[in-house]
């Protein structure tokens, strides 16, 4: 199994969960132009996949991450598609969050 070593610092921006719901019970995300306060910045890693998606390894202190949350390394920003907390039995220092994400387009200046 290949190991993805930390190659950048990642900051997590976690949205309020659960989202509010409309009159029909459908979850309503916050407006796209608002970004929540960061929850922390820790060492992580990111790798682009052949299909254009990204896999990221995130410090477990960022848990919980959910679909729609943001991760940023200061240059790039990703929107989380899925996140799974992976615990390594007997070695808590090796725990991580496995994230699949989509790279956001650059912000217009």
PDB file of N, CA and C in Angstrom:
ATOM      1  N   UNK A   1       0.845  -1.163   0.000  1.00  0.00           N
ATOM      2  CA  UNK A   1       0.000   0.000   0.000  1.00  0.00           C
ATOM      3  C   UNK A   1       0.901   1.240   0.000  1.00  0.00           C
ATOM      4  N   UNK A   2       0.717   2.151  -0.984  1.00  0.00           N
ATOM      5  CA  UNK A   2       1.539   3.359  -1.007  1.00  0.00           C
ATOM      6  C   UNK A   2       1.152   4.300   0.129  1.00  0.00           C
ATOM      7  N   UNK A   3       2.149   5.027   0.616  1.00  0.00           N
ATOM      8  CA  UNK A   3       1.937   5.980   1.697  1.00  0.00           C
ATOM      9  C   UNK A   3       2.018   7.380   1.114  1.00  0.00           C
ATOM     10  N   UNK A   4       1.065   8.230   1.453  1.00  0.00           N
ATOM     11  CA  UNK A   4       1.059   9.610   1.006  1.00  0.00           C
ATOM     12  C   UNK A   4       1.577  10.458   2.153  1.00  0.00           C
ATOM     13  N   UNK A   5       2.837  10.910   2.050  1.00  0.00           N
ATOM     14  CA  UNK A   5       3.459  11.687   3.110  1.00  0.00           C
ATOM     15  C   UNK A   5       2.980  13.137   3.074  1.00  0.00           C
ATOM     16  N   UNK A   6       2.967  13.806   4.210  1.00  0.00           N
ATOM     17  CA  UNK A   6       2.553  15.210   4.232  1.00  0.00           C
ATOM     18  C   UNK A   6       3.430  16.045   3.300  1.00  0.00           C
ATOM     19  N   UNK A   7       2.773  16.876   2.471  1.00  0.00           N
ATOM     20  CA  UNK A   7       3.512  17.738   1.558  1.00  0.00           C
ATOM     21  C   UNK A   7       3.023  19.187   1.590  1.00  0.00           C
ATOM     22  N   UNK A   8       2.088  19.481   2.506  1.00  0.00           N
ATOM     23  CA  UNK A   8       1.555  20.834   2.615  1.00  0.00           C
ATOM     24  C   UNK A   8       0.762  20.960   3.900  1.00  0.00           C
ATOM     25  N   UNK A   9       0.483  22.178   4.304  1.00  0.00           N
ATOM     26  CA  UNK A   9      -0.415  22.423   5.433  1.00  0.00           C
ATOM     27  C   UNK A   9      -1.807  22.653   4.885  1.00  0.00           C
ATOM     28  N   UNK A  10      -2.789  21.993   5.474  1.00  0.00           N
ATOM     29  CA  UNK A  10      -4.182  22.121   5.035  1.00  0.00           C
ATOM     30  C   UNK A  10      -5.011  22.755   6.143  1.00  0.00           C
ATOM     31  N   UNK A  11      -5.808  23.734   5.761  1.00  0.00           N
ATOM     32  CA  UNK A  11      -6.732  24.381   6.681  1.00  0.00           C
ATOM     33  C   UNK A  11      -8.135  23.903   6.348  1.00  0.00           C
ATOM     34  N   UNK A  12      -8.877  23.488   7.371  1.00  0.00           N
ATOM     35  CA  UNK A  12     -10.251  23.001   7.190  1.00  0.00           C
ATOM     36  C   UNK A  12     -11.232  24.128   7.506  1.00  0.00           C
ATOM     37  N   UNK A  13     -12.214  24.281   6.630  1.00  0.00           N
ATOM     38  CA  UNK A  13     -13.320  25.217   6.828  1.00  0.00           C
ATOM     39  C   UNK A  13     -14.585  24.366   6.872  1.00  0.00           C
ATOM     40  N   UNK A  14     -15.085  24.127   8.071  1.00  0.00           N
ATOM     41  CA  UNK A  14     -16.192  23.197   8.262  1.00  0.00           C
ATOM     42  C   UNK A  14     -17.500  23.976   8.365  1.00  0.00           C
ATOM     43  N   UNK A  15     -18.435  23.624   7.507  1.00  0.00           N
ATOM     44  CA  UNK A  15     -19.751  24.253   7.515  1.00  0.00           C
ATOM     45  C   UNK A  15     -20.549  23.768   8.717  1.00  0.00           C
ATOM     46  N   UNK A  16     -21.534  24.542   9.092  1.00  0.00           N
ATOM     47  CA  UNK A  16     -22.425  24.123  10.176  1.00  0.00           C
ATOM     48  C   UNK A  16     -23.215  22.899   9.706  1.00  0.00           C
ATOM     49  N   UNK A  17     -23.137  21.823  10.465  1.00  0.00           N
ATOM     50  CA  UNK A  17     -23.885  20.601  10.137  1.00  0.00           C
ATOM     51  C   UNK A  17     -24.756  20.255  11.329  1.00  0.00           C
ATOM     52  N   UNK A  18     -25.946  19.794  11.157  1.00  0.00           N
ATOM     53  CA  UNK A  18     -26.585  19.636   9.855  1.00  0.00           C
ATOM     54  C   UNK A  18     -27.046  20.984   9.304  1.00  0.00           C
ATOM     55  N   UNK A  19     -27.193  21.043   7.976  1.00  0.00           N
ATOM     56  CA  UNK A  19     -27.662  22.263   7.346  1.00  0.00           C
ATOM     57  C   UNK A  19     -29.118  22.494   7.726  1.00  0.00           C
ATOM     58  N   UNK A  20     -29.536  23.744   7.643  1.00  0.00           N
ATOM     59  CA  UNK A  20     -30.952  24.028   7.859  1.00  0.00           C
ATOM     60  C   UNK A  20     -31.750  23.376   6.736  1.00  0.00           C
ATOM     61  N   UNK A  21     -33.024  23.203   6.968  1.00  0.00           N
ATOM     62  CA  UNK A  21     -33.883  22.561   5.951  1.00  0.00           C
ATOM     63  C   UNK A  21     -34.990  23.515   5.530  1.00  0.00           C
ATOM     64  N   UNK A  22     -35.376  23.406   4.249  1.00  0.00           N
ATOM     65  CA  UNK A  22     -36.458  24.249   3.752  1.00  0.00           C
ATOM     66  C   UNK A  22     -37.805  23.653   4.149  1.00  0.00           C
ATOM     67  N   UNK A  23     -38.879  24.254   3.688  1.00  0.00           N
ATOM     68  CA  UNK A  23     -40.234  23.817   4.051  1.00  0.00           C
ATOM     69  C   UNK A  23     -40.524  22.387   3.609  1.00  0.00           C
ATOM     70  N   UNK A  24     -39.775  21.878   2.642  1.00  0.00           N
ATOM     71  CA  UNK A  24     -39.986  20.518   2.138  1.00  0.00           C
ATOM     72  C   UNK A  24     -39.033  19.511   2.775  1.00  0.00           C
ATOM     73  N   UNK A  25     -38.186  19.984   3.692  1.00  0.00           N
ATOM     74  CA  UNK A  25     -37.255  19.090   4.376  1.00  0.00           C
ATOM     75  C   UNK A  25     -35.933  18.890   3.662  1.00  0.00           C
ATOM     76  N   UNK A  26     -35.710  19.623   2.572  1.00  0.00           N
ATOM     77  CA  UNK A  26     -34.469  19.505   1.818  1.00  0.00           C
ATOM     78  C   UNK A  26     -33.365  20.318   2.496  1.00  0.00           C
ATOM     79  N   UNK A  27     -32.172  19.730   2.693  1.00  0.00           N
ATOM     80  CA  UNK A  27     -31.081  20.497   3.302  1.00  0.00           C
ATOM     81  C   UNK A  27     -30.699  21.695   2.428  1.00  0.00           C
ATOM     82  N   UNK A  28     -30.490  22.837   3.064  1.00  0.00           N
ATOM     83  CA  UNK A  28     -30.127  24.064   2.357  1.00  0.00           C
ATOM     84  C   UNK A  28     -28.733  24.483   2.811  1.00  0.00           C
ATOM     85  N   UNK A  29     -27.756  24.406   1.893  1.00  0.00           N
ATOM     86  CA  UNK A  29     -26.404  24.814   2.277  1.00  0.00           C
ATOM     87  C   UNK A  29     -26.331  26.325   2.444  1.00  0.00           C
ATOM     88  N   UNK A  30     -25.301  26.798   3.146  1.00  0.00           N
ATOM     89  CA  UNK A  30     -25.141  28.243   3.287  1.00  0.00           C
ATOM     90  C   UNK A  30     -24.805  28.872   1.938  1.00  0.00           C
ATOM     91  N   UNK A  31     -24.938  30.183   1.808  1.00  0.00           N
ATOM     92  CA  UNK A  31     -24.606  30.836   0.529  1.00  0.00           C
ATOM     93  C   UNK A  31     -23.178  30.511   0.112  1.00  0.00           C
ATOM     94  N   UNK A  32     -22.934  30.323  -1.195  1.00  0.00           N
ATOM     95  CA  UNK A  32     -21.607  29.903  -1.650  1.00  0.00           C
ATOM     96  C   UNK A  32     -20.516  30.952  -1.448  1.00  0.00           C
ATOM     97  N   UNK A  33     -20.889  32.208  -1.244  1.00  0.00           N
ATOM     98  CA  UNK A  33     -19.872  33.244  -1.089  1.00  0.00           C
ATOM     99  C   UNK A  33     -19.466  33.458   0.365  1.00  0.00           C
ATOM    100  N   UNK A  34     -19.977  32.624   1.274  1.00  0.00           N
ATOM    101  CA  UNK A  34     -19.579  32.733   2.673  1.00  0.00           C
ATOM    102  C   UNK A  34     -18.677  31.560   3.027  1.00  0.00           C
ATOM    103  N   UNK A  35     -17.655  31.849   3.809  1.00  0.00           N
ATOM    104  CA  UNK A  35     -16.735  30.796   4.236  1.00  0.00           C
ATOM    105  C   UNK A  35     -16.716  30.793   5.758  1.00  0.00           C
ATOM    106  N   UNK A  36     -16.930  29.637   6.367  1.00  0.00           N
ATOM    107  CA  UNK A  36     -16.882  29.586   7.832  1.00  0.00           C
ATOM    108  C   UNK A  36     -15.464  29.845   8.345  1.00  0.00           C
ATOM    109  N   UNK A  37     -15.374  30.081   9.626  1.00  0.00           N
ATOM    110  CA  UNK A  37     -14.062  30.276  10.246  1.00  0.00           C
ATOM    111  C   UNK A  37     -13.268  28.979  10.150  1.00  0.00           C
ATOM    112  N   UNK A  38     -11.947  29.055  10.007  1.00  0.00           N
ATOM    113  CA  UNK A  38     -11.137  27.835   9.941  1.00  0.00           C
ATOM    114  C   UNK A  38     -11.140  27.105  11.280  1.00  0.00           C
ATOM    115  N   UNK A  39     -11.102  25.781  11.206  1.00  0.00           N
ATOM    116  CA  UNK A  39     -11.054  24.982  12.428  1.00  0.00           C
ATOM    117  C   UNK A  39      -9.635  24.668  12.837  1.00  0.00           C
ATOM    118  N   UNK A  40      -8.686  24.838  11.930  1.00  0.00           N
ATOM    119  CA  UNK A  40      -7.291  24.586  12.251  1.00  0.00           C
ATOM    120  C   UNK A  40      -6.488  24.291  11.005  1.00  0.00           C
ATOM    121  N   UNK A  41      -5.180  24.398  11.135  1.00  0.00           N
ATOM    122  CA  UNK A  41      -4.258  24.110  10.037  1.00  0.00           C
ATOM    123  C   UNK A  41      -3.259  23.065  10.524  1.00  0.00           C
ATOM    124  N   UNK A  42      -3.182  21.960   9.773  1.00  0.00           N
ATOM    125  CA  UNK A  42      -2.293  20.865  10.133  1.00  0.00           C
ATOM    126  C   UNK A  42      -1.657  20.287   8.873  1.00  0.00           C
ATOM    127  N   UNK A  43      -0.611  19.515   9.054  1.00  0.00           N
ATOM    128  CA  UNK A  43       0.066  18.866   7.930  1.00  0.00           C
ATOM    129  C   UNK A  43      -0.882  17.908   7.222  1.00  0.00           C
ATOM    130  N   UNK A  44      -0.787  17.867   5.913  1.00  0.00           N
ATOM    131  CA  UNK A  44      -1.621  16.980   5.114  1.00  0.00           C
ATOM    132  C   UNK A  44      -0.966  16.739   3.772  1.00  0.00           C
ATOM    133  N   UNK A  45      -1.704  16.114   2.880  1.00  0.00           N
ATOM    134  CA  UNK A  45      -1.183  15.807   1.559  1.00  0.00           C
ATOM    135  C   UNK A  45      -2.319  15.840   0.552  1.00  0.00           C
ATOM    136  N   UNK A  46      -1.969  16.130  -0.696  1.00  0.00           N
ATOM    137  CA  UNK A  46      -2.963  16.152  -1.767  1.00  0.00           C
ATOM    138  C   UNK A  46      -2.344  15.568  -3.026  1.00  0.00           C
ATOM    139  N   UNK A  47      -3.130  14.799  -3.764  1.00  0.00           N
ATOM    140  CA  UNK A  47      -2.660  14.206  -5.016  1.00  0.00           C
ATOM    141  C   UNK A  47      -3.798  14.232  -6.029  1.00  0.00           C
ATOM    142  N   UNK A  48      -3.494  14.752  -7.214  1.00  0.00           N
ATOM    143  CA  UNK A  48      -4.496  14.783  -8.277  1.00  0.00           C
ATOM    144  C   UNK A  48      -4.598  13.405  -8.911  1.00  0.00           C
ATOM    145  N   UNK A  49      -5.831  12.992  -9.218  1.00  0.00           N
ATOM    146  CA  UNK A  49      -6.077  11.695  -9.830  1.00  0.00           C
ATOM    147  C   UNK A  49      -6.228  11.860 -11.345  1.00  0.00           C
ATOM    148  N   UNK A  50      -6.175  10.764 -12.051  1.00  0.00           N
ATOM    149  CA  UNK A  50      -6.261  10.797 -13.521  1.00  0.00           C
ATOM    150  C   UNK A  50      -7.574  11.402 -14.017  1.00  0.00           C
ATOM    151  N   UNK A  51      -8.659  11.247 -13.247  1.00  0.00           N
ATOM    152  CA  UNK A  51      -9.960  11.760 -13.676  1.00  0.00           C
ATOM    153  C   UNK A  51     -10.186  13.222 -13.286  1.00  0.00           C
ATOM    154  N   UNK A  52      -9.171  13.877 -12.716  1.00  0.00           N
ATOM    155  CA  UNK A  52      -9.291  15.283 -12.346  1.00  0.00           C
ATOM    156  C   UNK A  52      -9.745  15.520 -10.923  1.00  0.00           C
ATOM    157  N   UNK A  53     -10.158  14.462 -10.222  1.00  0.00           N
ATOM    158  CA  UNK A  53     -10.504  14.605  -8.814  1.00  0.00           C
ATOM    159  C   UNK A  53      -9.218  14.573  -7.996  1.00  0.00           C
ATOM    160  N   UNK A  54      -9.335  14.829  -6.707  1.00  0.00           N
ATOM    161  CA  UNK A  54      -8.178  14.855  -5.818  1.00  0.00           C
ATOM    162  C   UNK A  54      -8.419  13.931  -4.636  1.00  0.00           C
ATOM    163  N   UNK A  55      -7.361  13.309  -4.150  1.00  0.00           N
ATOM    164  CA  UNK A  55      -7.411  12.602  -2.878  1.00  0.00           C
ATOM    165  C   UNK A  55      -6.515  13.375  -1.921  1.00  0.00           C
ATOM    166  N   UNK A  56      -7.017  13.570  -0.729  1.00  0.00           N
ATOM    167  CA  UNK A  56      -6.269  14.292   0.279  1.00  0.00           C
ATOM    168  C   UNK A  56      -6.181  13.441   1.529  1.00  0.00           C
ATOM    169  N   UNK A  57      -5.085  13.607   2.261  1.00  0.00           N
ATOM    170  CA  UNK A  57      -4.914  12.997   3.569  1.00  0.00           C
ATOM    171  C   UNK A  57      -4.865  14.145   4.556  1.00  0.00           C
ATOM    172  N   UNK A  58      -5.788  14.125   5.514  1.00  0.00           N
ATOM    173  CA  UNK A  58      -5.982  15.247   6.417  1.00  0.00           C
ATOM    174  C   UNK A  58      -5.791  14.765   7.857  1.00  0.00           C
ATOM    175  N   UNK A  59      -5.224  15.635   8.681  1.00  0.00           N
ATOM    176  CA  UNK A  59      -5.020  15.325  10.095  1.00  0.00           C
ATOM    177  C   UNK A  59      -6.370  15.038  10.754  1.00  0.00           C
ATOM    178  N   UNK A  60      -6.456  14.015  11.608  1.00  0.00           N
ATOM    179  CA  UNK A  60      -7.735  13.666  12.233  1.00  0.00           C
ATOM    180  C   UNK A  60      -8.292  14.748  13.159  1.00  0.00           C
ATOM    181  N   UNK A  61      -7.489  15.751  13.530  1.00  0.00           N
ATOM    182  CA  UNK A  61      -8.022  16.847  14.339  1.00  0.00           C
ATOM    183  C   UNK A  61      -9.031  17.690  13.558  1.00  0.00           C
ATOM    184  N   UNK A  62      -9.083  17.507  12.233  1.00  0.00           N
ATOM    185  CA  UNK A  62     -10.062  18.217  11.404  1.00  0.00           C
ATOM    186  C   UNK A  62     -11.423  17.520  11.395  1.00  0.00           C
ATOM    187  N   UNK A  63     -11.500  16.349  12.006  1.00  0.00           N
ATOM    188  CA  UNK A  63     -12.739  15.559  11.997  1.00  0.00           C
ATOM    189  C   UNK A  63     -13.803  16.231  12.840  1.00  0.00           C
ATOM    190  N   UNK A  64     -15.067  16.253  12.460  1.00  0.00           N
ATOM    191  CA  UNK A  64     -15.628  15.621  11.276  1.00  0.00           C
ATOM    192  C   UNK A  64     -15.594  16.542  10.055  1.00  0.00           C
ATOM    193  N   UNK A  65     -15.297  15.972   8.909  1.00  0.00           N
ATOM    194  CA  UNK A  65     -15.421  16.653   7.620  1.00  0.00           C
ATOM    195  C   UNK A  65     -16.573  16.002   6.886  1.00  0.00           C
ATOM    196  N   UNK A  66     -17.336  16.812   6.188  1.00  0.00           N
ATOM    197  CA  UNK A  66     -18.483  16.295   5.448  1.00  0.00           C
ATOM    198  C   UNK A  66     -18.499  16.904   4.058  1.00  0.00           C
ATOM    199  N   UNK A  67     -19.310  16.337   3.201  1.00  0.00           N
ATOM    200  CA  UNK A  67     -19.463  16.849   1.844  1.00  0.00           C
ATOM    201  C   UNK A  67     -19.833  18.328   1.888  1.00  0.00           C
ATOM    202  N   UNK A  68     -19.145  19.133   1.088  1.00  0.00           N
ATOM    203  CA  UNK A  68     -19.401  20.570   1.043  1.00  0.00           C
ATOM    204  C   UNK A  68     -18.424  21.388   1.860  1.00  0.00           C
ATOM    205  N   UNK A  69     -17.702  20.769   2.810  1.00  0.00           N
ATOM    206  CA  UNK A  69     -16.689  21.484   3.582  1.00  0.00           C
ATOM    207  C   UNK A  69     -15.520  21.829   2.656  1.00  0.00           C
ATOM    208  N   UNK A  70     -14.706  22.771   3.083  1.00  0.00           N
ATOM    209  CA  UNK A  70     -13.583  23.226   2.266  1.00  0.00           C
ATOM    210  C   UNK A  70     -12.257  22.903   2.938  1.00  0.00           C
ATOM    211  N   UNK A  71     -11.249  22.624   2.120  1.00  0.00           N
ATOM    212  CA  UNK A  71      -9.875  22.467   2.565  1.00  0.00           C
ATOM    213  C   UNK A  71      -9.026  23.381   1.697  1.00  0.00           C
ATOM    214  N   UNK A  72      -8.032  24.029   2.300  1.00  0.00           N
ATOM    215  CA  UNK A  72      -7.185  24.941   1.543  1.00  0.00           C
ATOM    216  C   UNK A  72      -5.746  24.818   2.002  1.00  0.00           C
ATOM    217  N   UNK A  73      -4.817  24.945   1.040  1.00  0.00           N
ATOM    218  CA  UNK A  73      -3.398  24.980   1.381  1.00  0.00           C
ATOM    219  C   UNK A  73      -2.829  26.386   1.225  1.00  0.00           C
ATOM    220  N   UNK A  74      -3.694  27.373   1.070  1.00  0.00           N
ATOM    221  CA  UNK A  74      -3.271  28.751   0.887  1.00  0.00           C
ATOM    222  C   UNK A  74      -3.155  29.146  -0.573  1.00  0.00           C
ATOM    223  N   UNK A  75      -2.981  28.158  -1.439  1.00  0.00           N
ATOM    224  CA  UNK A  75      -2.912  28.398  -2.880  1.00  0.00           C
ATOM    225  C   UNK A  75      -4.127  27.803  -3.579  1.00  0.00           C
ATOM    226  N   UNK A  76      -4.447  26.580  -3.207  1.00  0.00           N
ATOM    227  CA  UNK A  76      -5.588  25.867  -3.794  1.00  0.00           C
ATOM    228  C   UNK A  76      -6.652  25.663  -2.728  1.00  0.00           C
ATOM    229  N   UNK A  77      -7.896  25.542  -3.199  1.00  0.00           N
ATOM    230  CA  UNK A  77      -9.013  25.234  -2.305  1.00  0.00           C
ATOM    231  C   UNK A  77      -9.795  24.082  -2.920  1.00  0.00           C
ATOM    232  N   UNK A  78     -10.137  23.105  -2.090  1.00  0.00           N
ATOM    233  CA  UNK A  78     -10.902  21.945  -2.530  1.00  0.00           C
ATOM    234  C   UNK A  78     -12.229  21.900  -1.789  1.00  0.00           C
ATOM    235  N   UNK A  79     -13.265  21.398  -2.476  1.00  0.00           N
ATOM    236  CA  UNK A  79     -14.556  21.118  -1.850  1.00  0.00           C
ATOM    237  C   UNK A  79     -14.633  19.618  -1.619  1.00  0.00           C
ATOM    238  N   UNK A  80     -14.904  19.233  -0.390  1.00  0.00           N
ATOM    239  CA  UNK A  80     -14.939  17.825  -0.001  1.00  0.00           C
ATOM    240  C   UNK A  80     -16.143  17.133  -0.628  1.00  0.00           C
ATOM    241  N   UNK A  81     -15.891  15.989  -1.272  1.00  0.00           N
ATOM    242  CA  UNK A  81     -16.968  15.119  -1.754  1.00  0.00           C
ATOM    243  C   UNK A  81     -17.295  14.084  -0.688  1.00  0.00           C
ATOM    244  N   UNK A  82     -16.239  13.455  -0.144  1.00  0.00           N
ATOM    245  CA  UNK A  82     -16.433  12.452   0.901  1.00  0.00           C
ATOM    246  C   UNK A  82     -15.228  12.458   1.820  1.00  0.00           C
ATOM    247  N   UNK A  83     -15.458  12.041   3.042  1.00  0.00           N
ATOM    248  CA  UNK A  83     -14.379  11.963   4.032  1.00  0.00           C
ATOM    249  C   UNK A  83     -14.624  10.759   4.926  1.00  0.00           C
ATOM    250  N   UNK A  84     -13.553  10.031   5.203  1.00  0.00           N
ATOM    251  CA  UNK A  84     -13.638   8.838   6.035  1.00  0.00           C
ATOM    252  C   UNK A  84     -12.473   8.839   7.009  1.00  0.00           C
ATOM    253  N   UNK A  85     -12.789   8.772   8.292  1.00  0.00           N
ATOM    254  CA  UNK A  85     -11.756   8.727   9.323  1.00  0.00           C
ATOM    255  C   UNK A  85     -11.150   7.329   9.346  1.00  0.00           C
ATOM    256  N   UNK A  86      -9.832   7.259   9.121  1.00  0.00           N
ATOM    257  CA  UNK A  86      -9.118   5.979   9.109  1.00  0.00           C
ATOM    258  C   UNK A  86      -8.260   5.901  10.363  1.00  0.00           C
ATOM    259  N   UNK A  87      -8.500   4.899  11.185  1.00  0.00           N
ATOM    260  CA  UNK A  87      -7.731   4.693  12.413  1.00  0.00           C
ATOM    261  C   UNK A  87      -6.833   3.481  12.234  1.00  0.00           C
ATOM    262  N   UNK A  88      -5.570   3.655  12.595  1.00  0.00           N
ATOM    263  CA  UNK A  88      -4.598   2.572  12.504  1.00  0.00           C
ATOM    264  C   UNK A  88      -4.495   1.937  13.887  1.00  0.00           C
ATOM    265  N   UNK A  89      -4.961   0.687  14.038  1.00  0.00           N
ATOM    266  CA  UNK A  89      -4.949   0.052  15.351  1.00  0.00           C
ATOM    267  C   UNK A  89      -3.556   0.036  15.976  1.00  0.00           C
ATOM    268  N   UNK A  90      -3.481   0.485  17.220  1.00  0.00           N
ATOM    269  CA  UNK A  90      -2.231   0.458  17.954  1.00  0.00           C
ATOM    270  C   UNK A  90      -1.245   1.559  17.599  1.00  0.00           C
ATOM    271  N   UNK A  91      -1.632   2.453  16.678  1.00  0.00           N
ATOM    272  CA  UNK A  91      -0.704   3.521  16.268  1.00  0.00           C
ATOM    273  C   UNK A  91      -1.499   4.778  15.929  1.00  0.00           C
ATOM    274  N   UNK A  92      -2.006   5.448  16.968  1.00  0.00           N
ATOM    275  CA  UNK A  92      -2.827   6.638  16.775  1.00  0.00           C
ATOM    276  C   UNK A  92      -2.132   7.741  16.005  1.00  0.00           C
ATOM    277  N   UNK A  93      -0.806   7.780  16.036  1.00  0.00           N
ATOM    278  CA  UNK A  93      -0.070   8.818  15.307  1.00  0.00           C
ATOM    279  C   UNK A  93      -0.218   8.654  13.794  1.00  0.00           C
ATOM    280  N   UNK A  94      -0.651   7.479  13.345  1.00  0.00           N
ATOM    281  CA  UNK A  94      -0.805   7.239  11.909  1.00  0.00           C
ATOM    282  C   UNK A  94      -2.249   7.421  11.434  1.00  0.00           C
ATOM    283  N   UNK A  95      -3.162   7.791  12.332  1.00  0.00           N
ATOM    284  CA  UNK A  95      -4.555   8.029  11.941  1.00  0.00           C
ATOM    285  C   UNK A  95      -4.626   9.195  10.955  1.00  0.00           C
ATOM    286  N   UNK A  96      -5.619   9.158  10.064  1.00  0.00           N
ATOM    287  CA  UNK A  96      -5.804  10.235   9.103  1.00  0.00           C
ATOM    288  C   UNK A  96      -7.241  10.233   8.601  1.00  0.00           C
ATOM    289  N   UNK A  97      -7.604  11.300   7.900  1.00  0.00           N
ATOM    290  CA  UNK A  97      -8.900  11.369   7.229  1.00  0.00           C
ATOM    291  C   UNK A  97      -8.633  11.225   5.740  1.00  0.00           C
ATOM    292  N   UNK A  98      -9.250  10.236   5.109  1.00  0.00           N
ATOM    293  CA  UNK A  98      -9.146  10.040   3.661  1.00  0.00           C
ATOM    294  C   UNK A  98     -10.258  10.864   3.016  1.00  0.00           C
ATOM    295  N   UNK A  99      -9.866  11.803   2.157  1.00  0.00           N
ATOM    296  CA  UNK A  99     -10.816  12.730   1.554  1.00  0.00           C
ATOM    297  C   UNK A  99     -10.748  12.621   0.038  1.00  0.00           C
ATOM    298  N   UNK A 100     -11.905  12.585  -0.597  1.00  0.00           N
ATOM    299  CA  UNK A 100     -11.975  12.804  -2.036  1.00  0.00           C
ATOM    300  C   UNK A 100     -12.583  14.187  -2.207  1.00  0.00           C
ATOM    301  N   UNK A 101     -12.043  14.953  -3.148  1.00  0.00           N
ATOM    302  CA  UNK A 101     -12.463  16.344  -3.286  1.00  0.00           C
ATOM    303  C   UNK A 101     -12.316  16.811  -4.727  1.00  0.00           C
ATOM    304  N   UNK A 102     -12.897  17.965  -4.983  1.00  0.00           N
ATOM    305  CA  UNK A 102     -12.800  18.609  -6.283  1.00  0.00           C
ATOM    306  C   UNK A 102     -12.098  19.944  -6.089  1.00  0.00           C
ATOM    307  N   UNK A 103     -11.133  20.224  -6.947  1.00  0.00           N
ATOM    308  CA  UNK A 103     -10.419  21.496  -6.876  1.00  0.00           C
ATOM    309  C   UNK A 103     -11.346  22.606  -7.321  1.00  0.00           C
ATOM    310  N   UNK A 104     -11.437  23.647  -6.495  1.00  0.00           N
ATOM    311  CA  UNK A 104     -12.250  24.801  -6.855  1.00  0.00           C
ATOM    312  C   UNK A 104     -11.495  25.635  -7.887  1.00  0.00           C
ATOM    313  N   UNK A 105     -12.210  26.282  -8.785  1.00  0.00           N
ATOM    314  CA  UNK A 105     -11.501  27.190  -9.699  1.00  0.00           C
ATOM    315  C   UNK A 105     -10.903  28.351  -8.922  1.00  0.00           C
ATOM    316  N   UNK A 106      -9.848  28.973  -9.459  1.00  0.00           N
ATOM    317  CA  UNK A 106      -9.241  30.091  -8.734  1.00  0.00           C
ATOM    318  C   UNK A 106     -10.230  31.233  -8.559  1.00  0.00           C
ATOM    319  N   UNK A 107     -10.099  31.924  -7.438  1.00  0.00           N
ATOM    320  CA  UNK A 107     -10.985  33.061  -7.186  1.00  0.00           C
ATOM    321  C   UNK A 107     -10.550  34.235  -8.040  1.00  0.00           C
ATOM    322  N   UNK A 108     -11.511  34.948  -8.590  1.00  0.00           N
ATOM    323  CA  UNK A 108     -11.209  36.126  -9.402  1.00  0.00           C
ATOM    324  C   UNK A 108     -10.739  37.246  -8.493  1.00  0.00           C
ATOM    325  N   UNK A 109      -9.728  37.947  -8.919  1.00  0.00           N
ATOM    326  CA  UNK A 109      -9.210  39.063  -8.122  1.00  0.00           C
ATOM    327  C   UNK A 109      -9.826  40.357  -8.576  1.00  0.00           C
TER     328      UNK A 109
END
